[in-house]
C-alpha atoms as a PDB file:
ATOM      1  CA  MET A   1      88.114 123.278 112.494  1.00  0.00           C
ATOM      2  CA  ASN A   2      90.016 121.701 115.004  1.00  0.00           C
ATOM      3  CA  TRP A   3      89.068 118.404 117.316  1.00  0.00           C
ATOM      4  CA  THR A   4      89.741 117.801 121.339  1.00  0.00           C
ATOM      5  CA  TRP A   5      90.430 114.450 122.029  1.00  0.00           C
ATOM      6  CA  GLU A   6      89.616 113.535 126.128  1.00  0.00           C
ATOM      7  CA  LEU A   7      91.278 109.897 126.763  1.00  0.00           C
ATOM      8  CA  ARG A   8      90.432 108.967 130.749  1.00  0.00           C
ATOM      9  CA  SER A   9      91.586 105.697 132.566  1.00  0.00           C
ATOM     10  CA  ARG A  10      88.408 103.903 133.834  1.00  0.00           C
ATOM     11  CA  ASP A  11      90.489 102.521 136.322  1.00  0.00           C
ATOM     12  CA  GLY A  12      91.175 104.928 138.905  1.00  0.00           C
ATOM     13  CA  GLY A  13      89.158 106.867 141.131  1.00  0.00           C
ATOM     14  CA  MET A  14      85.209 106.708 140.828  1.00  0.00           C
ATOM     15  CA  ASN A  15      85.560 109.088 137.637  1.00  0.00           C
ATOM     16  CA  GLY A  16      88.779 107.498 136.287  1.00  0.00           C
ATOM     17  CA  LEU A  17      91.906 109.514 135.702  1.00  0.00           C
ATOM     18  CA  GLU A  18      92.578 111.837 132.749  1.00  0.00           C
ATOM     19  CA  PHE A  19      95.192 110.408 130.559  1.00  0.00           C
ATOM     20  CA  ALA A  20      95.553 112.815 127.911  1.00  0.00           C
ATOM     21  CA  ARG A  21      93.648 115.982 126.551  1.00  0.00           C
ATOM     22  CA  CYS A  22      94.761 116.642 122.613  1.00  0.00           C
ATOM     23  CA  THR A  23      94.122 118.920 119.851  1.00  0.00           C
ATOM     24  CA  THR A  24      94.197 118.027 116.754  1.00  0.00           C
ATOM     25  CA  ALA A  25      92.940 118.824 112.982  1.00  0.00           C
ATOM     26  CA  SER A  26      89.120 117.684 112.526  1.00  0.00           C
ATOM     27  CA  GLY A  27      88.619 114.674 110.215  1.00  0.00           C
ATOM     28  CA  PHE A  28      90.584 112.397 111.736  1.00  0.00           C
ATOM     29  CA  SER A  29      88.691 108.865 112.165  1.00  0.00           C
ATOM     30  CA  ARG A  30      92.136 107.313 113.031  1.00  0.00           C
ATOM     31  CA  VAL A  31      94.760 108.200 115.406  1.00  0.00           C
ATOM     32  CA  LEU A  32      97.685 106.237 117.547  1.00  0.00           C
ATOM     33  CA  VAL A  33      97.929 106.378 121.106  1.00  0.00           C
ATOM     34  CA  HIS A  34     101.237 105.468 122.959  1.00  0.00           C
ATOM     35  CA  ALA A  35     100.895 103.308 126.025  1.00  0.00           C
ATOM     36  CA  ALA A  36      97.136 103.477 126.462  1.00  0.00           C
ATOM     37  CA  PRO A  37      95.326 102.458 129.750  1.00  0.00           C
ATOM     38  CA  ALA A  38      93.554  99.417 129.564  1.00  0.00           C
ATOM     39  CA  GLN A  39      89.862 100.491 129.984  1.00  0.00           C
ATOM     40  CA  LEU A  40      89.604 103.961 128.351  1.00  0.00           C
ATOM     41  CA  HIS A  41      86.945 106.131 127.503  1.00  0.00           C
ATOM     42  CA  LEU A  42      87.492 108.424 124.747  1.00  0.00           C
ATOM     43  CA  GLU A  43      85.296 111.690 123.646  1.00  0.00           C
ATOM     44  CA  VAL A  44      86.363 113.847 120.858  1.00  0.00           C
ATOM     45  CA  ARG A  45      84.591 117.669 120.310  1.00  0.00           C
ATOM     46  CA  ALA A  46      84.811 120.198 117.634  1.00  0.00           C
ATOM     47  CA  ASP A  47      85.608 123.059 118.461  1.00  0.00           C
ATOM     48  CA  ASP A  48      82.003 124.689 118.902  1.00  0.00           C
ATOM     49  CA  GLY A  49      81.438 121.793 121.623  1.00  0.00           C
ATOM     50  CA  THR A  50      79.578 119.755 119.468  1.00  0.00           C
ATOM     51  CA  LEU A  51      80.372 115.928 120.335  1.00  0.00           C
ATOM     52  CA  VAL A  52      82.007 113.838 117.167  1.00  0.00           C
ATOM     53  CA  VAL A  53      82.203 110.789 119.257  1.00  0.00           C
ATOM     54  CA  SER A  54      82.108 109.116 122.543  1.00  0.00           C
ATOM     55  CA  ASN A  55      82.560 105.424 123.882  1.00  0.00           C
ATOM     56  CA  ASP A  56      84.417 103.360 125.341  1.00  0.00           C
ATOM     57  CA  ALA A  57      87.582 101.362 124.042  1.00  0.00           C
ATOM     58  CA  ASP A  58      88.971  98.656 126.453  1.00  0.00           C
ATOM     59  CA  ARG A  59      91.767  96.340 125.391  1.00  0.00           C
ATOM     60  CA  ASP A  60      91.203  92.958 124.210  1.00  0.00           C
ATOM     61  CA  GLY A  61      93.839  90.994 124.070  1.00  0.00           C
ATOM     62  CA  ASP A  62      97.945  91.282 124.554  1.00  0.00           C
ATOM     63  CA  TYR A  63      99.548  95.163 125.459  1.00  0.00           C
ATOM     64  CA  SER A  64     101.497  96.894 122.630  1.00  0.00           C
ATOM     65  CA  PRO A  65     103.055 100.306 123.105  1.00  0.00           C
ATOM     66  CA  ILE A  66     100.612 101.468 120.348  1.00  0.00           C
ATOM     67  CA  THR A  67      97.232 101.746 120.171  1.00  0.00           C
ATOM     68  CA  LEU A  68      94.971 102.331 116.985  1.00  0.00           C
ATOM     69  CA  LEU A  69      91.992 103.878 117.372  1.00  0.00           C
ATOM     70  CA  GLU A  70      89.318 104.149 114.320  1.00  0.00           C
ATOM     71  CA  PHE A  71      85.829 105.311 114.774  1.00  0.00           C
ATOM     72  CA  ASP A  72      82.871 105.955 112.363  1.00  0.00           C
ATOM     73  CA  ASP A  73      79.252 106.898 113.641  1.00  0.00           C
ATOM     74  CA  ASP A  74      79.161 106.166 117.028  1.00  0.00           C
ATOM     75  CA  ARG A  75      81.376 102.971 117.323  1.00  0.00           C
ATOM     76  CA  VAL A  76      84.965 103.312 118.121  1.00  0.00           C
ATOM     77  CA  ARG A  77      87.151 100.089 117.354  1.00  0.00           C
ATOM     78  CA  ARG A  78      90.291  99.599 118.957  1.00  0.00           C
ATOM     79  CA  ARG A  79      93.670  97.442 117.915  1.00  0.00           C
ATOM     80  CA  GLU A  80      96.623  96.966 119.707  1.00  0.00           C
ATOM     81  CA  VAL A  81      99.311  97.307 116.834  1.00  0.00           C
ATOM     82  CA  TRP A  82     102.850  97.071 115.885  1.00  0.00           C
ATOM     83  CA  PRO A  83     103.080  99.804 113.425  1.00  0.00           C
ATOM     84  CA  GLY A  84     104.029  99.450 109.808  1.00  0.00           C
ATOM     85  CA  PRO A  85     104.515 102.117 106.970  1.00  0.00           C
ATOM     86  CA  GLU A  86     100.477 101.713 106.339  1.00  0.00           C
ATOM     87  CA  LEU A  87     100.502 103.884 109.901  1.00  0.00           C
ATOM     88  CA  TYR A  88     102.762 106.370 109.021  1.00  0.00           C
ATOM     89  CA  GLY A  89     101.238 110.229 108.969  1.00  0.00           C
ATOM     90  CA  LEU A  90      98.953 109.016 111.688  1.00  0.00           C
ATOM     91  CA  PRO A  91      98.800 111.827 114.369  1.00  0.00           C
ATOM     92  CA  VAL A  92      99.912 109.705 117.442  1.00  0.00           C
ATOM     93  CA  LEU A  93      98.540 111.232 121.130  1.00  0.00           C
ATOM     94  CA  LEU A  94     100.809 111.111 123.786  1.00  0.00           C
ATOM     95  CA  PRO A  95     100.142 110.759 127.671  1.00  0.00           C
ATOM     96  CA  GLY A  96      99.429 114.179 128.752  1.00  0.00           C
ATOM     97  CA  GLY A  97      98.063 115.592 125.993  1.00  0.00           C
ATOM     98  CA  GLU A  98     101.347 116.165 123.145  1.00  0.00           C
ATOM     99  CA  VAL A  99     100.264 114.987 119.274  1.00  0.00           C
ATOM    100  CA  GLY A 100     102.840 113.949 116.986  1.00  0.00           C
ATOM    101  CA  VAL A 101     102.712 112.584 113.633  1.00  0.00           C
ATOM    102  CA  LEU A 102     104.121 108.985 113.205  1.00  0.00           C
ATOM    103  CA  ILE A 103     107.182 108.930 111.007  1.00  0.00           C
ATOM    104  CA  THR A 104     109.050 105.873 111.495  1.00  0.00           C
ATOM    105  CA  TRP A 105     108.765 102.332 113.463  1.00  0.00           C
ATOM    106  CA  GLU A 106     111.019  99.440 113.604  1.00  0.00           C
ATOM    107  CA  HIS A 107     110.936  96.411 116.000  1.00  0.00           C
ATOM    108  CA  ALA A 108     112.549  93.201 117.152  1.00  0.00           C
ATOM    109  CA  SER A 109     110.874  90.132 115.450  1.00  0.00           C
ATOM    110  CA  ASP A 110     110.219  89.118 119.144  1.00  0.00           C
ATOM    111  CA  ARG A 111     108.953  92.584 119.851  1.00  0.00           C
ATOM    112  CA  SER A 112     111.695  92.925 122.763  1.00  0.00           C
ATOM    113  CA  TRP A 113     112.896  96.236 121.495  1.00  0.00           C
ATOM    114  CA  TRP A 114     111.279  99.098 119.766  1.00  0.00           C
ATOM    115  CA  ARG A 115     112.387 102.646 117.607  1.00  0.00           C
ATOM    116  CA  TRP A 116     110.029 104.889 116.299  1.00  0.00           C
ATOM    117  CA  SER A 117     110.279 108.832 115.322  1.00  0.00           C
ATOM    118  CA  VAL A 118     107.724 111.142 115.861  1.00  0.00           C
ATOM    119  CA  GLU A 119     107.690 114.675 114.226  1.00  0.00           C
ATOM    120  CA  PHE A 120     106.236 117.345 116.637  1.00  0.00           C
ATOM    121  CA  SER A 121     105.304 120.641 115.114  1.00  0.00           C
ATOM    122  CA  ASN A 122     102.506 123.686 116.128  1.00  0.00           C
ATOM    123  CA  HIS A 123     101.873 126.936 115.541  1.00  0.00           C
ATOM    124  CA  ARG A 124     100.556 130.193 118.053  1.00  0.00           C
ATOM    125  CA  GLY A 125      96.947 130.632 117.784  1.00  0.00           C
ATOM    126  CA  ARG A 126      96.019 126.913 116.834  1.00  0.00           C
ATOM    127  CA  PRO A 127      94.362 127.765 113.283  1.00  0.00           C
ATOM    128  CA  ALA A 128      92.207 125.227 112.326  1.00  0.00           C
ATOM    129  CA  ASP A 129      93.470 122.479 110.402  1.00  0.00           C
ATOM    130  CA  TRP A 130      96.590 123.661 110.091  1.00  0.00           C
ATOM    131  CA  ALA A 131      99.768 121.670 109.273  1.00  0.00           C
ATOM    132  CA  PRO A 132     103.188 122.731 108.156  1.00  0.00           C
ATOM    133  CA  GLU A 133     104.195 122.480 104.532  1.00  0.00           C
ATOM    134  CA  GLY A 134     105.404 119.605 103.452  1.00  0.00           C
ATOM    135  CA  GLN A 135     104.438 117.056 106.448  1.00  0.00           C
ATOM    136  CA  HIS A 136     102.848 113.911 105.179  1.00  0.00           C
ATOM    137  CA  VAL A 137      99.616 113.112 107.447  1.00  0.00           C
ATOM    138  CA  GLN A 138      96.995 110.418 106.695  1.00  0.00           C
ATOM    139  CA  ARG A 139      93.477 111.035 107.748  1.00  0.00           C
END
Protein backbone atom coordinates (compact mmCIF):
# COMPACT_ATOMS: atom_id res chain seq x y z
CA MET A 1 0.00 0.00 0.00
CA ASN A 2 1.20 3.52 -0.76
CA TRP A 3 0.54 6.63 1.31
CA THR A 4 -0.25 10.11 -0.01
CA TRP A 5 1.16 12.96 2.05
CA GLU A 6 -0.65 16.29 1.70
CA LEU A 7 1.18 19.26 3.21
CA ARG A 8 -0.47 22.66 3.22
CA SER A 9 0.82 26.00 4.39
CA ARG A 10 -1.77 27.65 6.61
CA ASP A 11 -0.13 31.06 5.96
CA GLY A 12 -1.84 31.93 2.66
CA GLY A 13 -5.41 32.35 1.50
CA MET A 14 -8.57 31.36 3.31
CA ASN A 15 -7.81 27.62 3.06
CA GLY A 16 -4.02 27.81 2.97
CA LEU A 17 -1.81 26.90 0.03
CA GLU A 18 -0.70 23.48 -1.11
CA PHE A 19 2.96 22.96 -0.36
CA ALA A 20 3.41 19.37 -1.50
CA ARG A 21 1.42 16.27 -2.36
CA CYS A 22 3.74 13.27 -2.28
CA THR A 23 3.47 9.51 -2.57
CA THR A 24 5.58 7.11 -0.49
CA ALA A 25 5.36 3.46 0.43
CA SER A 26 3.30 2.92 3.57
CA GLY A 27 4.60 2.59 7.08
CA PHE A 28 6.76 5.69 7.37
CA SER A 29 6.09 7.31 10.73
CA ARG A 30 9.05 9.65 10.20
CA VAL A 31 9.82 11.80 7.18
CA LEU A 32 11.97 14.82 6.44
CA VAL A 33 10.57 17.91 4.73
CA HIS A 34 12.74 20.42 2.86
CA ALA A 35 11.88 24.11 3.41
CA ALA A 36 8.68 23.36 5.34
CA PRO A 37 6.28 26.27 5.92
CA ALA A 38 6.14 27.71 9.44
CA GLN A 39 2.43 26.93 9.73
CA LEU A 40 1.89 23.44 8.34
CA HIS A 41 -1.13 21.14 8.12
CA LEU A 42 -0.40 17.48 7.37
CA GLU A 43 -2.73 14.74 6.14
CA VAL A 44 -1.60 11.23 5.26
CA ARG A 45 -4.00 8.89 3.43
CA ALA A 46 -3.76 5.26 2.37
CA ASP A 47 -4.50 4.14 -1.21
CA ASP A 48 -8.11 3.40 -0.27
CA GLY A 49 -8.61 6.94 1.12
CA THR A 50 -8.36 5.92 4.78
CA LEU A 51 -6.99 8.77 6.88
CA VAL A 52 -3.75 7.70 8.59
CA VAL A 53 -3.08 11.02 10.35
CA SER A 54 -4.28 14.63 10.16
CA ASN A 55 -2.80 17.35 12.31
CA ASP A 56 -1.12 20.75 12.40
CA ALA A 57 2.65 20.86 12.83
CA ASP A 58 3.83 24.42 13.38
CA ARG A 59 7.44 25.55 13.72
CA ASP A 60 8.47 26.30 17.27
CA GLY A 61 11.92 27.84 17.21
CA ASP A 62 14.52 28.73 14.63
CA TYR A 63 14.33 27.87 10.94
CA SER A 64 16.26 24.93 9.56
CA PRO A 65 16.31 23.80 5.93
CA ILE A 66 15.11 20.35 7.06
CA THR A 67 12.13 19.50 9.25
CA LEU A 68 11.58 16.10 10.84
CA LEU A 69 7.92 15.05 11.15
CA GLU A 70 7.12 12.07 13.36
CA PHE A 71 3.71 10.70 14.21
CA ASP A 72 1.97 8.03 16.21
CA ASP A 73 -1.80 7.71 16.44
CA ASP A 74 -3.17 11.24 15.89
CA ARG A 75 -0.19 13.14 17.28
CA VAL A 76 2.38 14.78 14.98
CA ARG A 77 5.69 16.04 16.35
CA ARG A 78 7.82 18.51 14.43
CA ARG A 79 11.51 19.31 14.93
CA GLU A 80 13.78 21.54 12.89
CA VAL A 81 16.93 19.47 12.37
CA TRP A 82 20.40 19.53 10.88
CA PRO A 83 20.55 15.89 9.80
CA GLY A 84 23.24 13.43 10.78
CA PRO A 85 23.79 9.79 9.87
CA GLU A 86 20.92 8.73 12.15
CA LEU A 87 18.49 10.29 9.64
CA TYR A 88 20.09 8.91 6.45
CA GLY A 89 17.66 6.67 4.62
CA LEU A 90 14.55 8.65 5.54
CA PRO A 91 12.27 9.96 2.81
CA VAL A 92 12.58 13.67 2.05
CA LEU A 93 9.37 15.39 0.91
CA LEU A 94 10.18 18.30 -1.40
CA PRO A 95 8.06 21.35 -2.26
CA GLY A 96 5.86 20.49 -5.21
CA GLY A 97 5.62 16.78 -4.49
CA GLU A 98 8.85 14.92 -5.27
CA VAL A 99 10.18 12.41 -2.73
CA GLY A 100 13.77 11.31 -2.38
CA VAL A 101 15.81 9.44 0.20
CA LEU A 102 18.44 11.32 2.23
CA ILE A 103 21.87 9.86 1.47
CA THR A 104 24.30 12.38 3.00
CA TRP A 105 24.29 15.74 4.77
CA GLU A 106 27.05 18.08 5.90
CA HIS A 107 27.04 21.66 7.14
CA ALA A 108 29.31 24.31 8.58
CA SER A 109 29.51 24.46 12.37
CA ASP A 110 27.95 27.95 12.22
CA ARG A 111 25.27 26.60 9.84
CA SER A 112 26.13 29.20 7.20
CA TRP A 113 26.18 26.53 4.45
CA TRP A 114 25.06 22.96 3.87
CA ARG A 115 25.46 20.29 1.22
CA TRP A 116 23.33 17.21 0.86
CA SER A 117 22.57 14.29 -1.43
CA VAL A 118 19.14 12.84 -2.09
CA GLU A 119 18.50 9.72 -4.14
CA PHE A 120 15.46 9.56 -6.42
CA SER A 121 13.91 6.43 -7.87
CA ASN A 122 10.55 5.58 -9.37
CA HIS A 123 8.57 2.83 -11.02
CA ARG A 124 5.78 2.96 -13.62
CA GLY A 125 2.41 2.13 -12.13
CA ARG A 126 3.46 2.89 -8.54
CA PRO A 127 3.42 -0.65 -7.14
CA ALA A 128 2.78 -0.70 -3.40
CA ASP A 129 5.84 -0.44 -1.15
CA TRP A 130 8.29 -0.70 -4.07
CA ALA A 131 11.93 0.22 -3.52
CA PRO A 132 14.89 -0.38 -5.83
CA GLU A 133 17.22 -3.21 -4.94
CA GLY A 134 19.96 -2.12 -2.56
CA GLN A 135 18.32 1.16 -1.50
CA HIS A 136 18.84 1.92 2.19
CA VAL A 137 15.53 3.15 3.61
CA GLN A 138 14.54 3.75 7.24
CA ARG A 139 10.94 3.51 8.46
